[in-house]
């Protein structure tokens, strides 16, 4: 294994160790409890765009420190999703599974693509980790796009897809929460389906991204349903290609930050009934693409 000082890096404020050849990196040499200067923050934003998901080990962060560090990458908004939030810090969602309440986002997705301006990224910090299991996997949709034949890439670039939260399981959740259907009706009015190009261009790297996911993409406009389903099934499978993936074994004190524009992720649900708890912050921007 390479020594830390031997790692190739064009960064001057920290070292970067590639996690896999295609996606991910471990950042060494930073104590995230401390404020970071502008140069360090700029390099971290570059590292995130370049590697798509970056990991920091052995960090002992308070909620204040996680929020402050996460602002390196964009805006941090008060939680408005369906997860509980940390009472003292409304920007932090509590992603937790216990023996009594099992939860894992064990489906391939990018976060909240059913919004006109989806999140830029996510910061996820480990609080309680199972003895075994509970890994998270990220997949590069940049590499997925690059794996396709040029003629097929060109065809996909002409297409538009519809994204909606209603195919993701939240419909059933809201009906269980409010059998009258009023909460579901309100959500439908507030968050109608949106359209996104099937291929998007990353605003930092300029690279093209395959921008569909099986959790929120319902269909492709202008195609018959059978044709749309067949094409989307083919594209969804690309996230499952191991060569495009990085699989993280969590440890307490690990922080992961990922680019929600160019990746999808999957939380492996193999650890029940063990306790797993993480603090999540969603990174937003006025214009995602």
Protein backbone atom coordinates (compact mmCIF):
# COMPACT_ATOMS: atom_id res chain seq x y z
CA UNK A 1 0.00 0.00 0.00
CA UNK A 2 1.23 3.51 -0.83
CA UNK A 3 2.43 5.69 1.98
CA UNK A 4 0.34 8.82 2.51
CA UNK A 5 3.15 11.12 1.35
CA UNK A 6 3.43 9.14 -1.89
CA UNK A 7 -0.19 9.66 -2.92
CA UNK A 8 -0.56 11.50 -6.23
CA UNK A 9 -2.39 14.77 -5.69
CA UNK A 10 -2.64 18.23 -7.21
CA UNK A 11 -4.09 19.54 -3.93
CA UNK A 12 -1.95 21.62 -1.61
CA UNK A 13 -4.04 21.52 1.60
CA UNK A 14 -4.66 17.77 1.96
CA UNK A 15 -3.93 14.38 0.42
CA UNK A 16 -6.40 12.42 -1.66
CA UNK A 17 -6.32 8.62 -1.88
CA UNK A 18 -8.45 7.18 -4.71
CA UNK A 19 -11.05 4.78 -3.31
CA UNK A 20 -11.61 2.93 -6.59
CA UNK A 21 -10.30 3.65 -10.10
CA UNK A 22 -13.65 5.10 -11.20
CA UNK A 23 -15.32 6.74 -8.21
CA UNK A 24 -14.57 7.92 -4.71
CA UNK A 25 -11.62 9.19 -2.68
CA UNK A 26 -10.46 9.31 0.94
CA UNK A 27 -9.30 12.75 2.06
CA UNK A 28 -6.38 12.74 4.52
CA UNK A 29 -4.85 15.49 6.60
CA UNK A 30 -7.83 17.57 7.69
CA UNK A 31 -9.39 18.03 11.12
CA UNK A 32 -12.94 19.02 10.24
CA UNK A 33 -13.52 20.43 13.72
CA UNK A 34 -11.38 23.40 12.69
CA UNK A 35 -12.53 26.19 10.35
CA UNK A 36 -11.12 25.77 6.84
CA UNK A 37 -9.63 28.61 4.82
CA UNK A 38 -10.95 29.58 1.40
CA UNK A 39 -8.21 27.71 -0.46
CA UNK A 40 -8.92 24.45 1.35
CA UNK A 41 -12.63 24.79 0.74
CA UNK A 42 -12.12 25.45 -2.97
CA UNK A 43 -9.92 22.36 -3.27
CA UNK A 44 -12.52 20.25 -1.46
CA UNK A 45 -15.24 21.38 -3.88
CA UNK A 46 -12.98 20.40 -6.76
CA UNK A 47 -12.27 17.01 -5.16
CA UNK A 48 -15.97 16.35 -4.71
CA UNK A 49 -16.80 17.16 -8.34
CA UNK A 50 -13.82 15.16 -9.60
CA UNK A 51 -14.25 12.03 -7.41
CA UNK A 52 -18.06 12.28 -6.92
CA UNK A 53 -17.97 10.96 -3.34
CA UNK A 54 -15.30 11.75 -0.73
CA UNK A 55 -14.71 10.15 2.66
CA UNK A 56 -13.20 11.48 5.88
CA UNK A 57 -12.25 8.98 8.60
CA UNK A 58 -11.83 9.46 12.35
CA UNK A 59 -13.64 12.79 12.65
CA UNK A 60 -15.16 13.74 16.01
CA UNK A 61 -17.76 16.31 15.03
CA UNK A 62 -20.44 18.13 16.95
CA UNK A 63 -23.63 18.97 15.05
CA UNK A 64 -22.45 22.60 14.81
CA UNK A 65 -19.17 21.46 13.26
CA UNK A 66 -20.86 19.17 10.73
CA UNK A 67 -23.18 21.99 9.64
CA UNK A 68 -20.30 24.45 9.34
CA UNK A 69 -18.16 22.04 7.33
CA UNK A 70 -21.02 21.07 5.04
CA UNK A 71 -21.45 24.74 4.06
CA UNK A 72 -18.12 24.31 2.24
CA UNK A 73 -20.05 22.74 -0.63
CA UNK A 74 -23.23 24.82 -0.84
CA UNK A 75 -26.25 26.02 1.05
CA UNK A 76 -27.66 24.14 4.05
CA UNK A 77 -31.39 24.39 4.49
CA UNK A 78 -33.75 23.41 7.27
CA UNK A 79 -35.05 19.87 6.82
CA UNK A 80 -38.36 19.70 4.99
CA UNK A 81 -38.45 16.02 4.04
CA UNK A 82 -40.12 13.09 5.79
CA UNK A 83 -37.32 12.17 8.24
CA UNK A 84 -37.05 13.27 11.89
CA UNK A 85 -34.61 16.10 12.51
CA UNK A 86 -32.21 16.90 15.32
CA UNK A 87 -34.14 19.20 17.64
CA UNK A 88 -31.21 21.51 18.31
CA UNK A 89 -30.18 21.65 14.63
CA UNK A 90 -33.09 21.73 12.17
CA UNK A 91 -30.63 21.30 9.26
CA UNK A 92 -29.77 17.74 10.38
CA UNK A 93 -31.93 14.72 9.59
CA UNK A 94 -31.63 11.62 11.75
CA UNK A 95 -31.34 8.51 9.59
CA UNK A 96 -31.81 5.69 12.06
CA UNK A 97 -32.77 2.03 12.23
CA UNK A 98 -33.44 0.09 15.44
CA UNK A 99 -34.81 -3.33 16.29
CA UNK A 100 -38.23 -1.73 16.74
CA UNK A 101 -38.11 0.48 13.65
CA UNK A 102 -36.28 -0.97 10.70
CA UNK A 103 -35.21 1.42 7.98
CA UNK A 104 -32.80 1.29 5.06
CA UNK A 105 -32.89 3.13 1.74
CA UNK A 106 -31.93 -0.10 -0.02
CA UNK A 107 -32.86 1.06 -3.48
CA UNK A 108 -30.80 2.83 -6.10
CA UNK A 109 -31.57 6.55 -6.19
CA UNK A 110 -30.33 10.10 -6.32
CA UNK A 111 -31.95 12.28 -3.70
CA UNK A 112 -35.11 14.24 -4.47
CA UNK A 113 -34.81 14.32 -8.26
CA UNK A 114 -38.56 14.98 -8.21
CA UNK A 115 -37.79 18.65 -7.53
CA UNK A 116 -37.08 21.22 -10.24
CA UNK A 117 -33.78 21.99 -8.47
CA UNK A 118 -32.63 18.74 -6.81
CA UNK A 119 -29.97 18.83 -4.08
CA UNK A 120 -26.37 19.45 -5.03
CA UNK A 121 -25.16 16.82 -2.59
CA UNK A 122 -25.30 15.28 0.86
CA UNK A 123 -23.17 15.12 3.99
CA UNK A 124 -23.66 11.95 6.07
CA UNK A 125 -21.93 11.43 9.42
CA UNK A 126 -21.79 8.12 11.30
CA UNK A 127 -23.07 8.13 14.89
CA UNK A 128 -23.85 4.46 15.63
CA UNK A 129 -22.66 1.72 13.29
CA UNK A 130 -23.54 -2.02 13.33
CA UNK A 131 -20.79 -4.50 14.16
CA UNK A 132 -21.31 -5.99 10.71
CA UNK A 133 -23.24 -4.79 7.69
CA UNK A 134 -24.84 -1.43 6.97
CA UNK A 135 -22.51 -0.42 4.13
CA UNK A 136 -23.44 2.26 1.60
CA UNK A 137 -22.71 1.94 -2.12
CA UNK A 138 -22.36 4.81 -4.59
CA UNK A 139 -22.43 4.47 -8.36
CA UNK A 140 -20.99 6.90 -10.89
CA UNK A 141 -23.52 7.87 -13.53
CA UNK A 142 -20.73 9.71 -15.32
CA UNK A 143 -18.97 6.40 -15.90
CA UNK A 144 -22.29 4.77 -16.75
CA UNK A 145 -22.86 7.31 -19.52
CA UNK A 146 -19.29 6.98 -20.78
CA UNK A 147 -19.71 3.21 -21.13
CA UNK A 148 -22.37 3.61 -23.82
CA UNK A 149 -21.83 3.64 -27.58
CA UNK A 150 -21.66 7.16 -29.08
CA UNK A 151 -24.76 6.66 -31.24
CA UNK A 152 -26.76 5.53 -28.20
CA UNK A 153 -25.43 8.47 -26.18
CA UNK A 154 -26.61 10.81 -28.92
CA UNK A 155 -30.09 9.31 -28.90
CA UNK A 156 -30.39 9.58 -25.11
CA UNK A 157 -29.42 13.24 -25.28
CA UNK A 158 -32.62 13.94 -27.22
CA UNK A 159 -34.87 12.50 -24.48
CA UNK A 160 -36.66 13.94 -21.45
CA UNK A 161 -37.79 11.91 -18.43
CA UNK A 162 -40.49 12.51 -15.83
CA UNK A 163 -39.56 12.25 -12.13
CA UNK A 164 -42.08 11.88 -9.30
CA UNK A 165 -41.98 10.89 -5.63
CA UNK A 166 -45.28 9.00 -6.05
CA UNK A 167 -43.62 5.86 -7.43
CA UNK A 168 -41.16 5.63 -4.54
CA UNK A 169 -43.34 4.33 -1.69
CA UNK A 170 -44.13 7.73 -0.15
CA UNK A 171 -47.73 7.47 -1.36
CA UNK A 172 -48.33 4.44 0.86
CA UNK A 173 -46.46 6.09 3.73
CA UNK A 174 -48.64 9.21 3.60
CA UNK A 175 -51.82 7.15 3.46
CA UNK A 176 -50.72 5.17 6.52
CA UNK A 177 -49.98 8.43 8.26
CA UNK A 178 -53.28 10.05 7.25
CA UNK A 179 -55.96 7.63 6.07
CA UNK A 180 -58.19 10.51 4.99
CA UNK A 181 -55.84 11.16 2.08
CA UNK A 182 -55.61 14.89 2.82
CA UNK A 183 -51.87 14.82 3.47
CA UNK A 184 -51.34 12.92 0.21
CA UNK A 185 -53.49 15.43 -1.67
CA UNK A 186 -51.51 18.33 -0.22
CA UNK A 187 -48.20 16.70 -1.19
CA UNK A 188 -49.40 16.13 -4.74
CA UNK A 189 -50.28 19.79 -5.13
CA UNK A 190 -47.05 21.00 -3.55
CA UNK A 191 -44.75 18.57 -5.38
CA UNK A 192 -46.07 17.76 -8.85
CA UNK A 193 -44.01 15.64 -11.29
CA UNK A 194 -41.06 17.40 -12.94
CA UNK A 195 -39.12 16.85 -16.14
CA UNK A 196 -35.35 16.45 -16.50
CA UNK A 197 -33.18 15.65 -19.53
CA UNK A 198 -32.11 12.00 -19.59
CA UNK A 199 -28.52 13.25 -20.02
CA UNK A 200 -27.31 16.25 -18.04
CA UNK A 201 -23.99 18.13 -18.02
CA UNK A 202 -22.14 18.57 -14.74
CA UNK A 203 -21.73 22.31 -14.11
CA UNK A 204 -18.20 21.93 -12.66
CA UNK A 205 -16.56 19.13 -14.64
CA UNK A 206 -18.44 19.60 -17.91
CA UNK A 207 -18.91 15.83 -18.10
CA UNK A 208 -22.17 14.26 -19.20
CA UNK A 209 -24.27 12.31 -16.69
CA UNK A 210 -26.98 9.71 -17.14
CA UNK A 211 -29.78 11.31 -15.13
CA UNK A 212 -32.48 8.71 -14.44
CA UNK A 213 -33.01 6.52 -11.37
CA UNK A 214 -35.34 3.65 -10.60
CA UNK A 215 -36.81 5.23 -7.45
CA UNK A 216 -38.08 8.49 -8.93
CA UNK A 217 -38.04 8.29 -12.75
CA UNK A 218 -41.46 7.15 -13.93
CA UNK A 219 -41.26 7.34 -17.73
CA UNK A 220 -39.70 8.97 -20.78
CA UNK A 221 -41.77 11.55 -22.60
CA UNK A 222 -42.87 10.78 -26.15
CA UNK A 223 -42.34 7.02 -25.96
CA UNK A 224 -44.97 4.34 -25.64
CA UNK A 225 -45.09 2.99 -22.09
CA UNK A 226 -43.68 -0.38 -23.17
CA UNK A 227 -40.78 1.32 -24.97
CA UNK A 228 -40.15 3.68 -22.08
CA UNK A 229 -40.16 0.84 -19.54
CA UNK A 230 -37.74 -1.24 -21.62
CA UNK A 231 -35.31 1.65 -22.13
CA UNK A 232 -35.41 2.75 -18.50
CA UNK A 233 -34.84 -0.81 -17.30
CA UNK A 234 -31.70 -0.93 -19.45
CA UNK A 235 -30.47 2.39 -18.08
CA UNK A 236 -31.32 1.59 -14.45
CA UNK A 237 -29.14 -1.53 -14.64
CA UNK A 238 -26.05 0.58 -15.29
CA UNK A 239 -26.05 1.81 -11.67
CA UNK A 240 -25.64 -1.82 -10.60
CA UNK A 241 -22.41 -2.37 -12.55
CA UNK A 242 -19.67 -3.08 -9.94
CA UNK A 243 -16.97 -1.30 -11.95
CA UNK A 244 -18.84 1.99 -11.52
CA UNK A 245 -19.27 1.59 -7.75
CA UNK A 246 -17.63 2.45 -4.44
CA UNK A 247 -18.75 0.52 -1.34
CA UNK A 248 -18.03 2.10 2.04
CA UNK A 249 -17.73 0.16 5.28
CA UNK A 250 -18.76 2.71 7.87
CA UNK A 251 -16.95 3.35 11.14
CA UNK A 252 -18.03 5.71 13.88
CA UNK A 253 -16.56 9.09 13.05
CA UNK A 254 -16.70 8.57 9.28
CA UNK A 255 -18.13 11.41 7.21
CA UNK A 256 -19.15 10.92 3.58
CA UNK A 257 -19.97 13.76 1.20
CA UNK A 258 -21.35 12.96 -2.23
CA UNK A 259 -22.33 14.78 -5.38
CA UNK A 260 -26.03 14.12 -5.88
CA UNK A 261 -25.85 15.30 -9.49
CA UNK A 262 -23.49 12.63 -10.78
CA UNK A 263 -24.09 9.65 -8.46
CA UNK A 264 -26.72 7.30 -7.16
CA UNK A 265 -26.49 5.49 -3.84
CA UNK A 266 -27.84 2.40 -2.10
CA UNK A 267 -27.92 1.73 1.66
CA UNK A 268 -27.42 -1.99 2.18
CA UNK A 269 -30.12 -3.30 4.54
CA UNK A 270 -28.34 -6.38 5.89
CA UNK A 271 -27.80 -5.44 9.55
CA UNK A 272 -31.21 -5.73 11.24
CA UNK A 273 -31.91 -5.78 14.19
CA UNK A 274 -28.65 -3.94 14.93
CA UNK A 275 -28.75 -0.22 15.64
CA UNK A 276 -27.57 2.17 12.92
CA UNK A 277 -27.74 5.96 13.21
CA UNK A 278 -26.34 8.71 11.01
CA UNK A 279 -26.76 12.48 10.76
CA UNK A 280 -27.59 13.72 7.27
CA UNK A 281 -27.42 17.24 5.85
CA UNK A 282 -28.73 18.05 2.39
CA UNK A 283 -26.62 20.48 0.35
CA UNK A 284 -28.63 22.80 -1.88
CA UNK A 285 -27.97 25.45 -4.48
CA UNK A 286 -30.12 27.93 -6.36
CA UNK A 287 -29.37 26.22 -9.69
CA UNK A 288 -28.33 22.57 -9.63
CA UNK A 289 -27.38 22.32 -13.31
